[in-house]
Amino acid sequence: MSHNFKPGDPALTLVNDRDLPAMSEVVLLSRFEKGEYIGFAFHAPTAGWFVRHAAAIDPLPFGEAELMPLRGDFAPEQQKSREVIA
């Protein structure tokens, strides 16, 4: 699922992390690709983003499916097609 995220976008975390509970508001910093090294010897299992949160000292990696955008138009296309103009 692609949300067309951009660096600086606000988002919510959808999963718990060791340092951050689910539903925490974060800011996206930079994108990483599947298989890319993130950290010392860890390959990213999926594409995602490094995020910043006030409670975390260092940026944290989250998969793209583990983040929900907090701005923009992200209503499902099916829902948009049902809207009726009066």
PDB file of N, CA and C in Angstrom:
ATOM      1  N   MET A   1       0.850  -1.174   0.000  1.00  0.00           N
ATOM      2  CA  MET A   1       0.000   0.000   0.000  1.00  0.00           C
ATOM      3  C   MET A   1       0.891   1.230   0.000  1.00  0.00           C
ATOM      4  N   SER A   2       0.721   2.080  -0.955  1.00  0.00           N
ATOM      5  CA  SER A   2       1.528   3.287  -1.055  1.00  0.00           C
ATOM      6  C   SER A   2       0.694   4.495  -0.681  1.00  0.00           C
ATOM      7  N   HIS A   3       1.238   5.314   0.196  1.00  0.00           N
ATOM      8  CA  HIS A   3       0.543   6.528   0.614  1.00  0.00           C
ATOM      9  C   HIS A   3       1.169   7.765  -0.012  1.00  0.00           C
ATOM     10  N   ASN A   4       2.143   7.585  -0.890  1.00  0.00           N
ATOM     11  CA  ASN A   4       2.866   8.712  -1.477  1.00  0.00           C
ATOM     12  C   ASN A   4       3.415   9.634  -0.391  1.00  0.00           C
ATOM     13  N   PHE A   5       4.046   9.036   0.600  1.00  0.00           N
ATOM     14  CA  PHE A   5       4.668   9.797   1.670  1.00  0.00           C
ATOM     15  C   PHE A   5       5.800  10.653   1.117  1.00  0.00           C
ATOM     16  N   LYS A   6       6.082  11.743   1.829  1.00  0.00           N
ATOM     17  CA  LYS A   6       7.219  12.610   1.521  1.00  0.00           C
ATOM     18  C   LYS A   6       7.941  12.921   2.828  1.00  0.00           C
ATOM     19  N   PRO A   7       9.251  13.181   2.777  1.00  0.00           N
ATOM     20  CA  PRO A   7       9.950  13.585   3.996  1.00  0.00           C
ATOM     21  C   PRO A   7       9.266  14.804   4.613  1.00  0.00           C
ATOM     22  N   GLY A   8       9.132  14.785   5.928  1.00  0.00           N
ATOM     23  CA  GLY A   8       8.481  15.878   6.644  1.00  0.00           C
ATOM     24  C   GLY A   8       7.008  15.644   6.913  1.00  0.00           C
ATOM     25  N   ASP A   9       6.415  14.632   6.271  1.00  0.00           N
ATOM     26  CA  ASP A   9       4.996  14.329   6.492  1.00  0.00           C
ATOM     27  C   ASP A   9       4.782  13.778   7.898  1.00  0.00           C
ATOM     28  N   PRO A  10       3.665  14.153   8.545  1.00  0.00           N
ATOM     29  CA  PRO A  10       3.313  13.531   9.822  1.00  0.00           C
ATOM     30  C   PRO A  10       2.624  12.195   9.570  1.00  0.00           C
ATOM     31  N   ALA A  11       2.787  11.265  10.508  1.00  0.00           N
ATOM     32  CA  ALA A  11       2.167   9.943  10.378  1.00  0.00           C
ATOM     33  C   ALA A  11       1.942   9.352  11.763  1.00  0.00           C
ATOM     34  N   LEU A  12       1.104   8.318  11.828  1.00  0.00           N
ATOM     35  CA  LEU A  12       0.900   7.540  13.047  1.00  0.00           C
ATOM     36  C   LEU A  12       1.549   6.179  12.872  1.00  0.00           C
ATOM     37  N   THR A  13       2.172   5.687  13.940  1.00  0.00           N
ATOM     38  CA  THR A  13       2.694   4.326  13.905  1.00  0.00           C
ATOM     39  C   THR A  13       1.536   3.369  14.175  1.00  0.00           C
ATOM     40  N   LEU A  14       1.473   2.278  13.445  1.00  0.00           N
ATOM     41  CA  LEU A  14       0.384   1.312  13.598  1.00  0.00           C
ATOM     42  C   LEU A  14       0.797   0.080  14.393  1.00  0.00           C
ATOM     43  N   VAL A  15       2.067  -0.035  14.716  1.00  0.00           N
ATOM     44  CA  VAL A  15       2.581  -1.185  15.468  1.00  0.00           C
ATOM     45  C   VAL A  15       3.454  -0.698  16.619  1.00  0.00           C
ATOM     46  N   ASN A  16       3.612  -1.553  17.617  1.00  0.00           N
ATOM     47  CA  ASN A  16       4.506  -1.248  18.733  1.00  0.00           C
ATOM     48  C   ASN A  16       5.948  -1.450  18.309  1.00  0.00           C
ATOM     49  N   ASP A  17       6.801  -0.605  18.801  1.00  0.00           N
ATOM     50  CA  ASP A  17       8.242  -0.724  18.626  1.00  0.00           C
ATOM     51  C   ASP A  17       8.824  -0.778  20.032  1.00  0.00           C
ATOM     52  N   ARG A  18      10.027  -1.249  20.161  1.00  0.00           N
ATOM     53  CA  ARG A  18      10.648  -1.313  21.483  1.00  0.00           C
ATOM     54  C   ARG A  18      10.629   0.047  22.182  1.00  0.00           C
ATOM     55  N   ASP A  19      10.851   1.116  21.438  1.00  0.00           N
ATOM     56  CA  ASP A  19      10.952   2.451  22.022  1.00  0.00           C
ATOM     57  C   ASP A  19       9.701   3.303  21.853  1.00  0.00           C
ATOM     58  N   LEU A  20       8.699   2.802  21.141  1.00  0.00           N
ATOM     59  CA  LEU A  20       7.567   3.653  20.773  1.00  0.00           C
ATOM     60  C   LEU A  20       6.288   2.824  20.668  1.00  0.00           C
ATOM     61  N   PRO A  21       5.219   3.220  21.372  1.00  0.00           N
ATOM     62  CA  PRO A  21       3.963   2.460  21.271  1.00  0.00           C
ATOM     63  C   PRO A  21       3.229   2.748  19.965  1.00  0.00           C
ATOM     64  N   ALA A  22       2.333   1.853  19.607  1.00  0.00           N
ATOM     65  CA  ALA A  22       1.473   2.076  18.437  1.00  0.00           C
ATOM     66  C   ALA A  22       0.657   3.349  18.657  1.00  0.00           C
ATOM     67  N   MET A  23       0.260   3.984  17.574  1.00  0.00           N
ATOM     68  CA  MET A  23      -0.529   5.217  17.561  1.00  0.00           C
ATOM     69  C   MET A  23       0.257   6.431  18.057  1.00  0.00           C
ATOM     70  N   SER A  24       1.572   6.376  17.914  1.00  0.00           N
ATOM     71  CA  SER A  24       2.419   7.525  18.238  1.00  0.00           C
ATOM     72  C   SER A  24       2.548   8.398  17.002  1.00  0.00           C
ATOM     73  N   GLU A  25       2.492   9.711  17.190  1.00  0.00           N
ATOM     74  CA  GLU A  25       2.665  10.626  16.064  1.00  0.00           C
ATOM     75  C   GLU A  25       4.151  10.815  15.802  1.00  0.00           C
ATOM     76  N   VAL A  26       4.544  10.658  14.550  1.00  0.00           N
ATOM     77  CA  VAL A  26       5.941  10.776  14.143  1.00  0.00           C
ATOM     78  C   VAL A  26       6.037  11.669  12.907  1.00  0.00           C
ATOM     79  N   VAL A  27       7.260  12.034  12.567  1.00  0.00           N
ATOM     80  CA  VAL A  27       7.540  12.787  11.342  1.00  0.00           C
ATOM     81  C   VAL A  27       8.482  11.941  10.493  1.00  0.00           C
ATOM     82  N   LEU A  28       8.176  11.808   9.213  1.00  0.00           N
ATOM     83  CA  LEU A  28       9.001  11.009   8.306  1.00  0.00           C
ATOM     84  C   LEU A  28      10.285  11.755   7.963  1.00  0.00           C
ATOM     85  N   LEU A  29      11.409  11.048   8.012  1.00  0.00           N
ATOM     86  CA  LEU A  29      12.703  11.662   7.712  1.00  0.00           C
ATOM     87  C   LEU A  29      13.234  11.249   6.349  1.00  0.00           C
ATOM     88  N   SER A  30      13.490   9.959   6.171  1.00  0.00           N
ATOM     89  CA  SER A  30      14.042   9.486   4.898  1.00  0.00           C
ATOM     90  C   SER A  30      13.564   8.070   4.621  1.00  0.00           C
ATOM     91  N   ARG A  31      13.477   7.750   3.344  1.00  0.00           N
ATOM     92  CA  ARG A  31      12.959   6.457   2.903  1.00  0.00           C
ATOM     93  C   ARG A  31      14.102   5.453   2.757  1.00  0.00           C
ATOM     94  N   PHE A  32      13.808   4.178   3.015  1.00  0.00           N
ATOM     95  CA  PHE A  32      14.742   3.097   2.719  1.00  0.00           C
ATOM     96  C   PHE A  32      14.009   2.042   1.903  1.00  0.00           C
ATOM     97  N   GLU A  33      14.766   1.281   1.130  1.00  0.00           N
ATOM     98  CA  GLU A  33      14.199   0.266   0.238  1.00  0.00           C
ATOM     99  C   GLU A  33      14.362  -1.133   0.829  1.00  0.00           C
ATOM    100  N   LYS A  34      13.544  -2.055   0.378  1.00  0.00           N
ATOM    101  CA  LYS A  34      13.629  -3.452   0.803  1.00  0.00           C
ATOM    102  C   LYS A  34      15.030  -3.977   0.506  1.00  0.00           C
ATOM    103  N   GLY A  35      15.625  -4.664   1.480  1.00  0.00           N
ATOM    104  CA  GLY A  35      16.952  -5.238   1.312  1.00  0.00           C
ATOM    105  C   GLY A  35      18.088  -4.301   1.659  1.00  0.00           C
ATOM    106  N   GLU A  36      17.809  -3.031   1.841  1.00  0.00           N
ATOM    107  CA  GLU A  36      18.838  -2.052   2.184  1.00  0.00           C
ATOM    108  C   GLU A  36      19.291  -2.275   3.627  1.00  0.00           C
ATOM    109  N   TYR A  37      20.580  -2.017   3.887  1.00  0.00           N
ATOM    110  CA  TYR A  37      21.072  -2.096   5.259  1.00  0.00           C
ATOM    111  C   TYR A  37      20.505  -0.934   6.049  1.00  0.00           C
ATOM    112  N   ILE A  38      19.880  -1.261   7.183  1.00  0.00           N
ATOM    113  CA  ILE A  38      19.464  -0.223   8.130  1.00  0.00           C
ATOM    114  C   ILE A  38      20.027  -0.648   9.477  1.00  0.00           C
ATOM    115  N   GLY A  39      20.848   0.154  10.044  1.00  0.00           N
ATOM    116  CA  GLY A  39      21.540  -0.243  11.259  1.00  0.00           C
ATOM    117  C   GLY A  39      22.846  -0.924  10.898  1.00  0.00           C
ATOM    118  N   PHE A  40      23.400  -1.656  11.842  1.00  0.00           N
ATOM    119  CA  PHE A  40      24.720  -2.248  11.648  1.00  0.00           C
ATOM    120  C   PHE A  40      24.716  -3.406  10.660  1.00  0.00           C
ATOM    121  N   ALA A  41      23.825  -4.362  10.845  1.00  0.00           N
ATOM    122  CA  ALA A  41      23.836  -5.534   9.964  1.00  0.00           C
ATOM    123  C   ALA A  41      22.421  -6.041   9.720  1.00  0.00           C
ATOM    124  N   PHE A  42      21.480  -5.143   9.634  1.00  0.00           N
ATOM    125  CA  PHE A  42      20.081  -5.530   9.473  1.00  0.00           C
ATOM    126  C   PHE A  42      19.591  -5.117   8.095  1.00  0.00           C
ATOM    127  N   HIS A  43      19.113  -6.085   7.325  1.00  0.00           N
ATOM    128  CA  HIS A  43      18.520  -5.800   6.012  1.00  0.00           C
ATOM    129  C   HIS A  43      17.044  -5.482   6.217  1.00  0.00           C
ATOM    130  N   ALA A  44      16.564  -4.426   5.612  1.00  0.00           N
ATOM    131  CA  ALA A  44      15.148  -4.067   5.718  1.00  0.00           C
ATOM    132  C   ALA A  44      14.297  -5.138   5.038  1.00  0.00           C
ATOM    133  N   PRO A  45      13.330  -5.738   5.756  1.00  0.00           N
ATOM    134  CA  PRO A  45      12.483  -6.759   5.141  1.00  0.00           C
ATOM    135  C   PRO A  45      11.479  -6.179   4.148  1.00  0.00           C
ATOM    136  N   THR A  46      11.162  -4.902   4.305  1.00  0.00           N
ATOM    137  CA  THR A  46      10.256  -4.201   3.391  1.00  0.00           C
ATOM    138  C   THR A  46      10.745  -2.772   3.232  1.00  0.00           C
ATOM    139  N   ALA A  47      10.208  -2.074   2.255  1.00  0.00           N
ATOM    140  CA  ALA A  47      10.504  -0.646   2.116  1.00  0.00           C
ATOM    141  C   ALA A  47       9.840   0.102   3.263  1.00  0.00           C
ATOM    142  N   GLY A  48      10.401   1.220   3.653  1.00  0.00           N
ATOM    143  CA  GLY A  48       9.823   1.979   4.753  1.00  0.00           C
ATOM    144  C   GLY A  48      10.484   3.327   4.938  1.00  0.00           C
ATOM    145  N   TRP A  49      10.341   3.842   6.146  1.00  0.00           N
ATOM    146  CA  TRP A  49      10.814   5.186   6.468  1.00  0.00           C
ATOM    147  C   TRP A  49      11.509   5.214   7.818  1.00  0.00           C
ATOM    148  N   PHE A  50      12.541   6.062   7.908  1.00  0.00           N
ATOM    149  CA  PHE A  50      13.077   6.432   9.205  1.00  0.00           C
ATOM    150  C   PHE A  50      12.195   7.560   9.707  1.00  0.00           C
ATOM    151  N   VAL A  51      11.797   7.475  10.984  1.00  0.00           N
ATOM    152  CA  VAL A  51      10.898   8.479  11.549  1.00  0.00           C
ATOM    153  C   VAL A  51      11.531   9.110  12.777  1.00  0.00           C
ATOM    154  N   ARG A  52      11.054  10.283  13.115  1.00  0.00           N
ATOM    155  CA  ARG A  52      11.517  11.016  14.302  1.00  0.00           C
ATOM    156  C   ARG A  52      10.346  11.146  15.264  1.00  0.00           C
ATOM    157  N   HIS A  53      10.621  10.901  16.547  1.00  0.00           N
ATOM    158  CA  HIS A  53       9.643  11.096  17.615  1.00  0.00           C
ATOM    159  C   HIS A  53      10.374  11.745  18.782  1.00  0.00           C
ATOM    160  N   ALA A  54       9.681  12.629  19.503  1.00  0.00           N
ATOM    161  CA  ALA A  54      10.314  13.369  20.595  1.00  0.00           C
ATOM    162  C   ALA A  54      10.866  12.446  21.684  1.00  0.00           C
ATOM    163  N   ALA A  55      10.246  11.279  21.897  1.00  0.00           N
ATOM    164  CA  ALA A  55      10.683  10.365  22.954  1.00  0.00           C
ATOM    165  C   ALA A  55      11.873   9.499  22.544  1.00  0.00           C
ATOM    166  N   ALA A  56      12.216   9.485  21.275  1.00  0.00           N
ATOM    167  CA  ALA A  56      13.308   8.634  20.788  1.00  0.00           C
ATOM    168  C   ALA A  56      14.546   9.481  20.509  1.00  0.00           C
ATOM    169  N   ILE A  57      15.680   8.992  20.924  1.00  0.00           N
ATOM    170  CA  ILE A  57      16.934   9.718  20.701  1.00  0.00           C
ATOM    171  C   ILE A  57      17.338   9.659  19.232  1.00  0.00           C
ATOM    172  N   ASP A  58      17.282   8.462  18.657  1.00  0.00           N
ATOM    173  CA  ASP A  58      17.685   8.256  17.265  1.00  0.00           C
ATOM    174  C   ASP A  58      16.465   8.033  16.379  1.00  0.00           C
ATOM    175  N   PRO A  59      16.607   8.263  15.078  1.00  0.00           N
ATOM    176  CA  PRO A  59      15.511   7.928  14.153  1.00  0.00           C
ATOM    177  C   PRO A  59      15.203   6.431  14.212  1.00  0.00           C
ATOM    178  N   LEU A  60      13.934   6.088  14.051  1.00  0.00           N
ATOM    179  CA  LEU A  60      13.491   4.697  14.112  1.00  0.00           C
ATOM    180  C   LEU A  60      12.983   4.248  12.750  1.00  0.00           C
ATOM    181  N   PRO A  61      13.281   3.009  12.336  1.00  0.00           N
ATOM    182  CA  PRO A  61      12.769   2.511  11.057  1.00  0.00           C
ATOM    183  C   PRO A  61      11.383   1.873  11.219  1.00  0.00           C
ATOM    184  N   PHE A  62      10.483   2.192  10.304  1.00  0.00           N
ATOM    185  CA  PHE A  62       9.154   1.573  10.250  1.00  0.00           C
ATOM    186  C   PHE A  62       8.866   1.207   8.808  1.00  0.00           C
ATOM    187  N   GLY A  63       8.269   0.046   8.598  1.00  0.00           N
ATOM    188  CA  GLY A  63       7.825  -0.336   7.266  1.00  0.00           C
ATOM    189  C   GLY A  63       6.690   0.574   6.823  1.00  0.00           C
ATOM    190  N   GLU A  64       6.545   0.757   5.524  1.00  0.00           N
ATOM    191  CA  GLU A  64       5.507   1.650   5.013  1.00  0.00           C
ATOM    192  C   GLU A  64       4.110   1.213   5.453  1.00  0.00           C
ATOM    193  N   ALA A  65       3.858  -0.096   5.539  1.00  0.00           N
ATOM    194  CA  ALA A  65       2.551  -0.601   5.972  1.00  0.00           C
ATOM    195  C   ALA A  65       2.321  -0.389   7.467  1.00  0.00           C
ATOM    196  N   GLU A  66       3.362  -0.014   8.199  1.00  0.00           N
ATOM    197  CA  GLU A  66       3.258   0.223   9.638  1.00  0.00           C
ATOM    198  C   GLU A  66       3.002   1.689   9.964  1.00  0.00           C
ATOM    199  N   LEU A  67       2.764   2.500   8.938  1.00  0.00           N
ATOM    200  CA  LEU A  67       2.539   3.934   9.115  1.00  0.00           C
ATOM    201  C   LEU A  67       1.239   4.362   8.450  1.00  0.00           C
ATOM    202  N   MET A  68       0.539   5.311   9.081  1.00  0.00           N
ATOM    203  CA  MET A  68      -0.685   5.863   8.508  1.00  0.00           C
ATOM    204  C   MET A  68      -0.503   7.370   8.366  1.00  0.00           C
ATOM    205  N   PRO A  69      -0.779   7.928   7.185  1.00  0.00           N
ATOM    206  CA  PRO A  69      -0.605   9.370   6.995  1.00  0.00           C
ATOM    207  C   PRO A  69      -1.576  10.165   7.861  1.00  0.00           C
ATOM    208  N   LEU A  70      -1.158  11.356   8.266  1.00  0.00           N
ATOM    209  CA  LEU A  70      -2.011  12.232   9.063  1.00  0.00           C
ATOM    210  C   LEU A  70      -2.483  13.458   8.302  1.00  0.00           C
ATOM    211  N   ARG A  71      -2.136  13.555   7.044  1.00  0.00           N
ATOM    212  CA  ARG A  71      -2.639  14.681   6.260  1.00  0.00           C
ATOM    213  C   ARG A  71      -2.844  14.225   4.829  1.00  0.00           C
ATOM    214  N   GLY A  72      -3.563  15.020   4.081  1.00  0.00           N
ATOM    215  CA  GLY A  72      -3.800  14.680   2.686  1.00  0.00           C
ATOM    216  C   GLY A  72      -5.061  13.871   2.516  1.00  0.00           C
ATOM    217  N   ASP A  73      -5.327  13.499   1.290  1.00  0.00           N
ATOM    218  CA  ASP A  73      -6.525  12.760   0.930  1.00  0.00           C
ATOM    219  C   ASP A  73      -6.164  11.293   0.806  1.00  0.00           C
ATOM    220  N   PHE A  74      -6.486  10.500   1.834  1.00  0.00           N
ATOM    221  CA  PHE A  74      -6.153   9.088   1.780  1.00  0.00           C
ATOM    222  C   PHE A  74      -7.386   8.216   1.954  1.00  0.00           C
ATOM    223  N   ALA A  75      -8.575   8.746   1.565  1.00  0.00           N
ATOM    224  CA  ALA A  75      -9.792   7.934   1.577  1.00  0.00           C
ATOM    225  C   ALA A  75      -9.698   6.900   0.466  1.00  0.00           C
ATOM    226  N   PRO A  76     -10.192   5.697   0.710  1.00  0.00           N
ATOM    227  CA  PRO A  76     -10.148   4.673  -0.339  1.00  0.00           C
ATOM    228  C   PRO A  76     -10.877   5.120  -1.600  1.00  0.00           C
ATOM    229  N   GLU A  77     -10.340   4.742  -2.758  1.00  0.00           N
ATOM    230  CA  GLU A  77     -10.937   5.127  -4.043  1.00  0.00           C
ATOM    231  C   GLU A  77     -12.383   4.674  -4.146  1.00  0.00           C
ATOM    232  N   GLN A  78     -12.692   3.495  -3.623  1.00  0.00           N
ATOM    233  CA  GLN A  78     -14.051   2.975  -3.696  1.00  0.00           C
ATOM    234  C   GLN A  78     -15.019   3.901  -2.953  1.00  0.00           C
ATOM    235  N   GLN A  79     -14.595   4.420  -1.814  1.00  0.00           N
ATOM    236  CA  GLN A  79     -15.441   5.326  -1.046  1.00  0.00           C
ATOM    237  C   GLN A  79     -15.656   6.626  -1.811  1.00  0.00           C
ATOM    238  N   LYS A  80     -14.616   7.141  -2.460  1.00  0.00           N
ATOM    239  CA  LYS A  80     -14.741   8.377  -3.225  1.00  0.00           C
ATOM    240  C   LYS A  80     -15.739   8.219  -4.362  1.00  0.00           C
ATOM    241  N   SER A  81     -15.760   7.052  -4.996  1.00  0.00           N
ATOM    242  CA  SER A  81     -16.630   6.859  -6.154  1.00  0.00           C
ATOM    243  C   SER A  81     -18.102   6.808  -5.769  1.00  0.00           C
ATOM    244  N   ARG A  82     -18.416   6.572  -4.506  1.00  0.00           N
ATOM    245  CA  ARG A  82     -19.805   6.515  -4.059  1.00  0.00           C
ATOM    246  C   ARG A  82     -20.375   7.882  -3.713  1.00  0.00           C
ATOM    247  N   GLU A  83     -19.528   8.882  -3.589  1.00  0.00           N
ATOM    248  CA  GLU A  83     -20.010  10.213  -3.234  1.00  0.00           C
ATOM    249  C   GLU A  83     -20.889  10.761  -4.344  1.00  0.00           C
ATOM    250  N   VAL A  84     -21.990  11.392  -3.933  1.00  0.00           N
ATOM    251  CA  VAL A  84     -22.944  11.940  -4.889  1.00  0.00           C
ATOM    252  C   VAL A  84     -22.959  13.449  -4.734  1.00  0.00           C
ATOM    253  N   ILE A  85     -22.848  14.147  -5.844  1.00  0.00           N
ATOM    254  CA  ILE A  85     -22.901  15.607  -5.818  1.00  0.00           C
ATOM    255  C   ILE A  85     -24.359  16.015  -5.899  1.00  0.00           C
ATOM    256  N   ALA A  86     -24.811  16.807  -4.940  1.00  0.00           N
ATOM    257  CA  ALA A  86     -26.224  17.214  -4.898  1.00  0.00           C
ATOM    258  C   ALA A  86     -26.471  18.462  -5.709  1.00  0.00           C
TER     259      ALA A  86
END
